[in-house]
Amino acid sequence: MMNSRTPLPPRAKEALDVLRSPVENAGGELPRERAHSVIASECGEVSAEALLNILHNRGYIYYVGEQIRIT
């Protein structure tokens, strides 16, 4: 089966990689504010919101209330 998701730009891929471990360690979901902080610590505060938007818009993460889950 082909992956139908749009490929990520390098910075967004880095952000997704940074999120994986904290999300897994938290039982599969992470509060949005915490996810923002995790990305900001690695990729910069200014980029964090834009990177979360890219990940969400391209289907790599989704929201359940204020929690982020990785697809």
N, C-alpha and C. Protein backbone atom coordinates (compact mmCIF):
# COMPACT_ATOMS: atom_id res chain seq x y z
N MET A 1 0.83 -1.19 0.00
CA MET A 1 0.00 0.00 0.00
C MET A 1 0.88 1.25 0.00
N MET A 2 0.52 2.21 -0.81
CA MET A 2 1.29 3.44 -0.89
C MET A 2 0.91 4.39 0.23
N ASN A 3 1.90 5.09 0.74
CA ASN A 3 1.65 6.11 1.75
C ASN A 3 1.13 7.35 1.03
N SER A 4 -0.09 7.77 1.35
CA SER A 4 -0.71 8.89 0.64
C SER A 4 -0.41 10.24 1.29
N ARG A 5 0.31 10.24 2.38
CA ARG A 5 0.62 11.50 3.03
C ARG A 5 1.68 12.26 2.25
N THR A 6 1.58 13.57 2.28
CA THR A 6 2.55 14.43 1.64
C THR A 6 3.87 14.35 2.40
N PRO A 7 4.99 14.19 1.69
CA PRO A 7 6.28 14.16 2.38
C PRO A 7 6.53 15.46 3.14
N LEU A 8 7.27 15.33 4.23
CA LEU A 8 7.56 16.49 5.07
C LEU A 8 8.84 17.18 4.66
N PRO A 9 8.88 18.51 4.81
CA PRO A 9 10.15 19.21 4.66
C PRO A 9 11.09 18.78 5.80
N PRO A 10 12.39 18.92 5.62
CA PRO A 10 13.35 18.44 6.63
C PRO A 10 13.09 18.96 8.05
N ARG A 11 12.75 20.23 8.22
CA ARG A 11 12.52 20.76 9.57
C ARG A 11 11.28 20.12 10.21
N ALA A 12 10.26 19.88 9.43
CA ALA A 12 9.06 19.24 9.98
C ALA A 12 9.33 17.78 10.32
N LYS A 13 10.13 17.11 9.52
CA LYS A 13 10.51 15.73 9.84
C LYS A 13 11.30 15.69 11.15
N GLU A 14 12.19 16.65 11.31
CA GLU A 14 12.96 16.76 12.56
C GLU A 14 12.01 16.97 13.75
N ALA A 15 11.02 17.85 13.58
CA ALA A 15 10.06 18.11 14.65
C ALA A 15 9.27 16.84 15.00
N LEU A 16 8.86 16.09 13.99
CA LEU A 16 8.14 14.85 14.23
C LEU A 16 9.02 13.85 14.98
N ASP A 17 10.27 13.74 14.57
CA ASP A 17 11.20 12.84 15.24
C ASP A 17 11.39 13.24 16.71
N VAL A 18 11.46 14.54 16.98
CA VAL A 18 11.62 15.06 18.34
C VAL A 18 10.39 14.74 19.19
N LEU A 19 9.22 14.74 18.58
CA LEU A 19 7.97 14.48 19.31
C LEU A 19 7.74 13.01 19.63
N ARG A 20 8.27 12.12 18.81
CA ARG A 20 7.95 10.70 18.95
C ARG A 20 8.17 10.15 20.36
N SER A 21 9.34 10.32 20.89
CA SER A 21 9.66 9.75 22.19
C SER A 21 8.80 10.32 23.32
N PRO A 22 8.65 11.66 23.43
CA PRO A 22 7.79 12.18 24.49
C PRO A 22 6.33 11.71 24.37
N VAL A 23 5.82 11.60 23.15
CA VAL A 23 4.45 11.13 22.97
C VAL A 23 4.34 9.67 23.39
N GLU A 24 5.28 8.84 22.97
CA GLU A 24 5.26 7.42 23.35
C GLU A 24 5.41 7.26 24.86
N ASN A 25 6.31 8.04 25.46
CA ASN A 25 6.54 7.95 26.91
C ASN A 25 5.34 8.43 27.72
N ALA A 26 4.50 9.27 27.12
CA ALA A 26 3.32 9.79 27.80
C ALA A 26 2.08 8.93 27.53
N GLY A 27 2.26 7.77 26.94
CA GLY A 27 1.14 6.87 26.71
C GLY A 27 0.42 7.10 25.39
N GLY A 28 1.06 7.77 24.45
CA GLY A 28 0.48 7.92 23.12
C GLY A 28 -0.10 9.29 22.81
N GLU A 29 -0.14 10.16 23.80
CA GLU A 29 -0.61 11.52 23.52
C GLU A 29 0.10 12.50 24.44
N LEU A 30 0.16 13.73 23.98
CA LEU A 30 0.88 14.77 24.70
C LEU A 30 0.05 16.04 24.65
N PRO A 31 -0.04 16.78 25.77
CA PRO A 31 -0.75 18.06 25.70
C PRO A 31 -0.11 18.96 24.64
N ARG A 32 -0.95 19.70 23.95
CA ARG A 32 -0.47 20.57 22.86
C ARG A 32 0.62 21.52 23.34
N GLU A 33 0.44 22.11 24.52
CA GLU A 33 1.44 23.05 25.05
C GLU A 33 2.78 22.35 25.26
N ARG A 34 2.74 21.13 25.75
CA ARG A 34 3.98 20.36 25.97
C ARG A 34 4.64 20.03 24.63
N ALA A 35 3.85 19.63 23.65
CA ALA A 35 4.39 19.33 22.32
C ALA A 35 5.06 20.58 21.73
N HIS A 36 4.41 21.72 21.90
CA HIS A 36 4.98 22.98 21.42
C HIS A 36 6.33 23.23 22.09
N SER A 37 6.40 23.03 23.41
CA SER A 37 7.65 23.24 24.16
C SER A 37 8.75 22.30 23.69
N VAL A 38 8.39 21.04 23.46
CA VAL A 38 9.37 20.04 23.01
C VAL A 38 9.96 20.47 21.66
N ILE A 39 9.10 20.86 20.73
CA ILE A 39 9.58 21.29 19.41
C ILE A 39 10.38 22.58 19.53
N ALA A 40 9.90 23.51 20.33
CA ALA A 40 10.60 24.80 20.49
C ALA A 40 12.00 24.61 21.04
N SER A 41 12.18 23.64 21.94
CA SER A 41 13.50 23.41 22.54
C SER A 41 14.51 22.91 21.51
N GLU A 42 14.03 22.24 20.48
CA GLU A 42 14.92 21.70 19.45
C GLU A 42 14.97 22.55 18.18
N CYS A 43 13.87 23.17 17.84
CA CYS A 43 13.74 23.82 16.53
C CYS A 43 13.55 25.33 16.62
N GLY A 44 13.38 25.85 17.82
CA GLY A 44 13.19 27.28 17.98
C GLY A 44 11.74 27.64 18.22
N GLU A 45 11.54 28.61 19.08
CA GLU A 45 10.20 29.04 19.47
C GLU A 45 9.38 29.52 18.28
N VAL A 46 10.00 30.29 17.42
CA VAL A 46 9.27 30.86 16.28
C VAL A 46 8.77 29.77 15.34
N SER A 47 9.56 28.74 15.15
CA SER A 47 9.21 27.66 14.22
C SER A 47 8.21 26.67 14.79
N ALA A 48 8.11 26.56 16.09
CA ALA A 48 7.34 25.48 16.71
C ALA A 48 5.87 25.48 16.25
N GLU A 49 5.22 26.61 16.27
CA GLU A 49 3.81 26.66 15.87
C GLU A 49 3.65 26.30 14.41
N ALA A 50 4.52 26.84 13.56
CA ALA A 50 4.44 26.54 12.12
C ALA A 50 4.68 25.05 11.87
N LEU A 51 5.62 24.46 12.59
CA LEU A 51 5.92 23.04 12.41
C LEU A 51 4.75 22.17 12.87
N LEU A 52 4.13 22.53 13.99
CA LEU A 52 2.94 21.78 14.43
C LEU A 52 1.84 21.87 13.37
N ASN A 53 1.67 23.04 12.79
CA ASN A 53 0.65 23.21 11.74
C ASN A 53 0.94 22.34 10.53
N ILE A 54 2.21 22.29 10.11
CA ILE A 54 2.59 21.45 8.96
C ILE A 54 2.29 19.99 9.28
N LEU A 55 2.71 19.53 10.46
CA LEU A 55 2.48 18.14 10.85
C LEU A 55 1.00 17.81 10.89
N HIS A 56 0.21 18.73 11.39
CA HIS A 56 -1.24 18.52 11.46
C HIS A 56 -1.87 18.55 10.07
N ASN A 57 -1.54 19.55 9.30
CA ASN A 57 -2.15 19.71 7.97
C ASN A 57 -1.80 18.56 7.02
N ARG A 58 -0.66 17.96 7.23
CA ARG A 58 -0.24 16.86 6.35
C ARG A 58 -0.58 15.49 6.92
N GLY A 59 -1.25 15.46 8.06
CA GLY A 59 -1.76 14.21 8.59
C GLY A 59 -0.79 13.38 9.42
N TYR A 60 0.28 13.98 9.90
CA TYR A 60 1.25 13.24 10.71
C TYR A 60 0.89 13.26 12.19
N ILE A 61 0.15 14.28 12.62
CA ILE A 61 -0.37 14.34 13.98
C ILE A 61 -1.85 14.69 13.89
N TYR A 62 -2.57 14.42 14.97
CA TYR A 62 -3.96 14.86 15.05
C TYR A 62 -4.25 15.24 16.49
N TYR A 63 -5.32 15.99 16.65
CA TYR A 63 -5.70 16.50 17.96
C TYR A 63 -6.92 15.77 18.48
N VAL A 64 -6.88 15.46 19.76
CA VAL A 64 -8.05 14.97 20.50
C VAL A 64 -8.17 15.95 21.66
N GLY A 65 -9.09 16.89 21.53
CA GLY A 65 -9.16 17.98 22.50
C GLY A 65 -7.87 18.77 22.42
N GLU A 66 -7.19 18.91 23.53
CA GLU A 66 -5.91 19.63 23.55
C GLU A 66 -4.71 18.68 23.56
N GLN A 67 -4.96 17.42 23.25
CA GLN A 67 -3.89 16.41 23.20
C GLN A 67 -3.46 16.17 21.75
N ILE A 68 -2.18 15.94 21.58
CA ILE A 68 -1.64 15.61 20.26
C ILE A 68 -1.30 14.13 20.24
N ARG A 69 -1.69 13.49 19.15
CA ARG A 69 -1.33 12.09 18.91
C ARG A 69 -0.65 12.00 17.56
N ILE A 70 0.28 11.08 17.43
CA ILE A 70 0.99 10.85 16.17
C ILE A 70 0.26 9.73 15.43
N THR A 71 0.03 9.95 14.13
CA THR A 71 -0.66 8.93 13.34
C THR A 71 0.26 7.81 12.95
